[in-house]
Structure formats: C-alpha cells, structure tokens
C-alpha cells in the first residue's frame, strides 16, 4: 500500500516566492537601507557639508533594479558637487573651514563602513519578513 503527494501547487508558489517576492522585498529593504545611509550621512559626523543646502537637497535613492540574478539600487548625492569634497586630501581637508561643525569629507563612505551591519540588517529584515 502506498500514497502519492502532489507538490505541483507548492512548486508553483515556491517558484513565485523565490523569483518574485523575495527579490521585491530585497529591493524594498535596499531602498530603506539606502535612505537610512543618506540620513546618517547628513546627521552623523562627519556630516555632509552644508552651506546653502544644495548637496543635501540632491540626495536621491532610485527604485530597485531587479533582474534574474541581482537586486541593485543607486543612491547618493550630486556627483559633481560631492566628488569635489570626497577627493580632498587630508591636508586639503585641514585647510577648510567647514561652515557646519562636524562636516567633513568622505561623509558617505565612512557611514557605509561604520554602519554596514545596520544597513545589511535592514535589507535582511525585509527578506526575512517575506519568508514568513
């Protein structure tokens, strides 16, 4: 005596979860993490420079680009203005009188290194919740 299990519906649903739901949630998580990173770049030392607000006002996060094997997002500040400050040497940085106390160069790069676990956790939480 035997029995048969039909996993057809399960396989269809599982495929949808793996190919669509999880990448979509990963995209939402990356979007949230990128926004958190930009906020940290503005509020935590070294802060994004601020004189007239053009740099901070240029902060952008794109919608996630989801392909068959990747999920990516583009985020940051106005590249021309930001690069001007990012590429300063430490000696040049010392000569600048930043108008906002706590401002400085590499304000985005430093946050990516300093808080990377937080940003990964944010994205991972979206994926984890989608698996429930």
Protein backbone atom coordinates (compact mmCIF):
# COMPACT_ATOMS: atom_id res chain seq x y z
CA UNK A 1 0.00 0.00 0.00
CA UNK A 2 1.42 3.43 -0.90
CA UNK A 3 0.45 7.03 -1.26
CA UNK A 4 1.28 9.87 -3.59
CA UNK A 5 1.93 13.50 -2.77
CA UNK A 6 1.30 16.14 -5.40
CA UNK A 7 3.65 19.10 -4.97
CA UNK A 8 2.62 20.87 -8.17
CA UNK A 9 0.93 23.80 -6.42
CA UNK A 10 3.74 24.06 -3.87
CA UNK A 11 6.37 24.17 -6.60
CA UNK A 12 4.48 26.93 -8.45
CA UNK A 13 4.12 29.01 -5.28
CA UNK A 14 7.71 28.37 -4.23
CA UNK A 15 8.98 29.46 -7.63
CA UNK A 16 6.94 32.68 -7.37
CA UNK A 17 8.34 33.35 -3.90
CA UNK A 18 11.93 32.74 -4.94
CA UNK A 19 11.79 34.57 -8.27
CA UNK A 20 9.48 37.47 -7.43
CA UNK A 21 8.51 38.01 -3.79
CA UNK A 22 11.95 37.73 -2.21
CA UNK A 23 13.71 39.96 -4.80
CA UNK A 24 10.93 42.55 -4.47
CA UNK A 25 11.30 42.59 -0.69
CA UNK A 26 15.09 42.76 -1.04
CA UNK A 27 14.58 45.81 -3.25
CA UNK A 28 12.37 47.44 -0.63
CA UNK A 29 14.95 46.64 2.02
CA UNK A 30 17.78 48.12 -0.04
CA UNK A 31 15.68 51.24 -0.64
CA UNK A 32 15.08 51.62 3.11
CA UNK A 33 18.75 50.93 3.93
CA UNK A 34 19.95 53.49 1.36
CA UNK A 35 17.63 56.13 2.80
CA UNK A 36 18.94 55.35 6.28
CA UNK A 37 22.52 55.70 5.00
CA UNK A 38 21.77 59.09 3.44
CA UNK A 39 20.14 60.22 6.67
CA UNK A 40 23.22 59.09 8.61
CA UNK A 41 25.43 60.99 6.15
CA UNK A 42 23.52 64.15 7.00
CA UNK A 43 23.11 63.68 10.76
CA UNK A 44 26.20 61.80 11.98
CA UNK A 45 29.81 63.05 12.00
CA UNK A 46 31.39 63.54 9.55
CA UNK A 47 28.27 65.20 8.22
CA UNK A 48 27.63 66.10 4.62
CA UNK A 49 28.76 69.71 4.15
CA UNK A 50 26.04 72.33 4.34
CA UNK A 51 26.20 75.92 3.30
CA UNK A 52 23.22 76.55 1.07
CA UNK A 53 21.73 73.06 1.18
CA UNK A 54 22.35 72.12 -2.46
CA UNK A 55 24.33 68.99 -1.64
CA UNK A 56 21.90 67.69 0.96
CA UNK A 57 18.97 68.56 -1.25
CA UNK A 58 20.47 66.45 -4.03
CA UNK A 59 20.22 63.20 -2.02
CA UNK A 60 18.45 60.54 -4.09
CA UNK A 61 17.58 56.85 -3.91
CA UNK A 62 16.41 55.04 -7.03
CA UNK A 63 13.82 52.33 -7.18
CA UNK A 64 15.46 48.89 -7.03
CA UNK A 65 16.58 47.35 -10.30
CA UNK A 66 15.62 43.68 -10.10
CA UNK A 67 17.00 41.21 -12.62
CA UNK A 68 17.06 37.43 -12.74
CA UNK A 69 20.16 37.18 -10.56
CA UNK A 70 20.60 40.54 -8.83
CA UNK A 71 18.91 43.35 -6.97
CA UNK A 72 20.61 46.74 -7.05
CA UNK A 73 19.90 50.31 -6.13
CA UNK A 74 21.55 53.64 -6.95
CA UNK A 75 21.79 56.25 -4.23
CA UNK A 76 23.87 59.22 -3.21
CA UNK A 77 24.32 62.94 -3.61
CA UNK A 78 25.00 65.16 -6.63
CA UNK A 79 28.11 63.54 -8.07
CA UNK A 80 29.86 66.69 -9.26
CA UNK A 81 29.49 68.58 -6.00
CA UNK A 82 30.08 65.55 -3.78
CA UNK A 83 33.21 64.46 -5.67
CA UNK A 84 34.73 67.87 -5.08
CA UNK A 85 34.71 67.24 -1.33
CA UNK A 86 35.26 63.49 -1.36
CA UNK A 87 38.54 63.66 -3.21
CA UNK A 88 40.21 66.18 -0.93
CA UNK A 89 43.46 65.03 0.58
CA UNK A 90 43.68 65.05 4.39
CA UNK A 91 46.00 68.08 4.12
CA UNK A 92 43.47 69.98 1.97
CA UNK A 93 40.71 68.98 4.39
CA UNK A 94 42.66 70.52 7.28
CA UNK A 95 42.74 73.88 5.47
CA UNK A 96 38.97 74.02 5.01
CA UNK A 97 36.89 75.92 7.49
CA UNK A 98 33.70 73.85 7.32
CA UNK A 99 30.71 76.13 7.92
CA UNK A 100 28.83 73.41 9.80
CA UNK A 101 30.60 71.91 12.80
CA UNK A 102 31.06 68.17 12.29
CA UNK A 103 31.10 68.41 8.49
CA UNK A 104 33.83 66.69 6.58
CA UNK A 105 34.97 64.67 3.62
CA UNK A 106 34.01 61.06 2.87
CA UNK A 107 30.77 61.54 4.83
CA UNK A 108 29.05 58.80 2.81
CA UNK A 109 31.92 56.32 2.52
CA UNK A 110 32.62 56.46 6.26
CA UNK A 111 28.98 55.69 7.09
CA UNK A 112 28.97 52.73 4.71
CA UNK A 113 31.90 51.25 6.61
CA UNK A 114 30.86 52.33 10.09
CA UNK A 115 27.23 51.18 9.93
CA UNK A 116 27.36 48.46 7.26
CA UNK A 117 25.89 45.85 9.62
CA UNK A 118 22.90 48.10 10.30
CA UNK A 119 22.22 48.57 6.58
CA UNK A 120 22.58 44.85 5.88
CA UNK A 121 20.21 44.09 8.75
CA UNK A 122 17.59 46.50 7.38
CA UNK A 123 17.62 44.81 3.97
CA UNK A 124 17.72 41.32 5.52
CA UNK A 125 14.67 42.09 7.69
CA UNK A 126 12.59 42.78 4.59
CA UNK A 127 13.66 39.45 3.10
CA UNK A 128 13.07 37.61 6.38
CA UNK A 129 9.57 39.05 6.75
CA UNK A 130 8.69 37.99 3.20
CA UNK A 131 9.60 34.40 4.04
CA UNK A 132 7.03 34.19 6.85
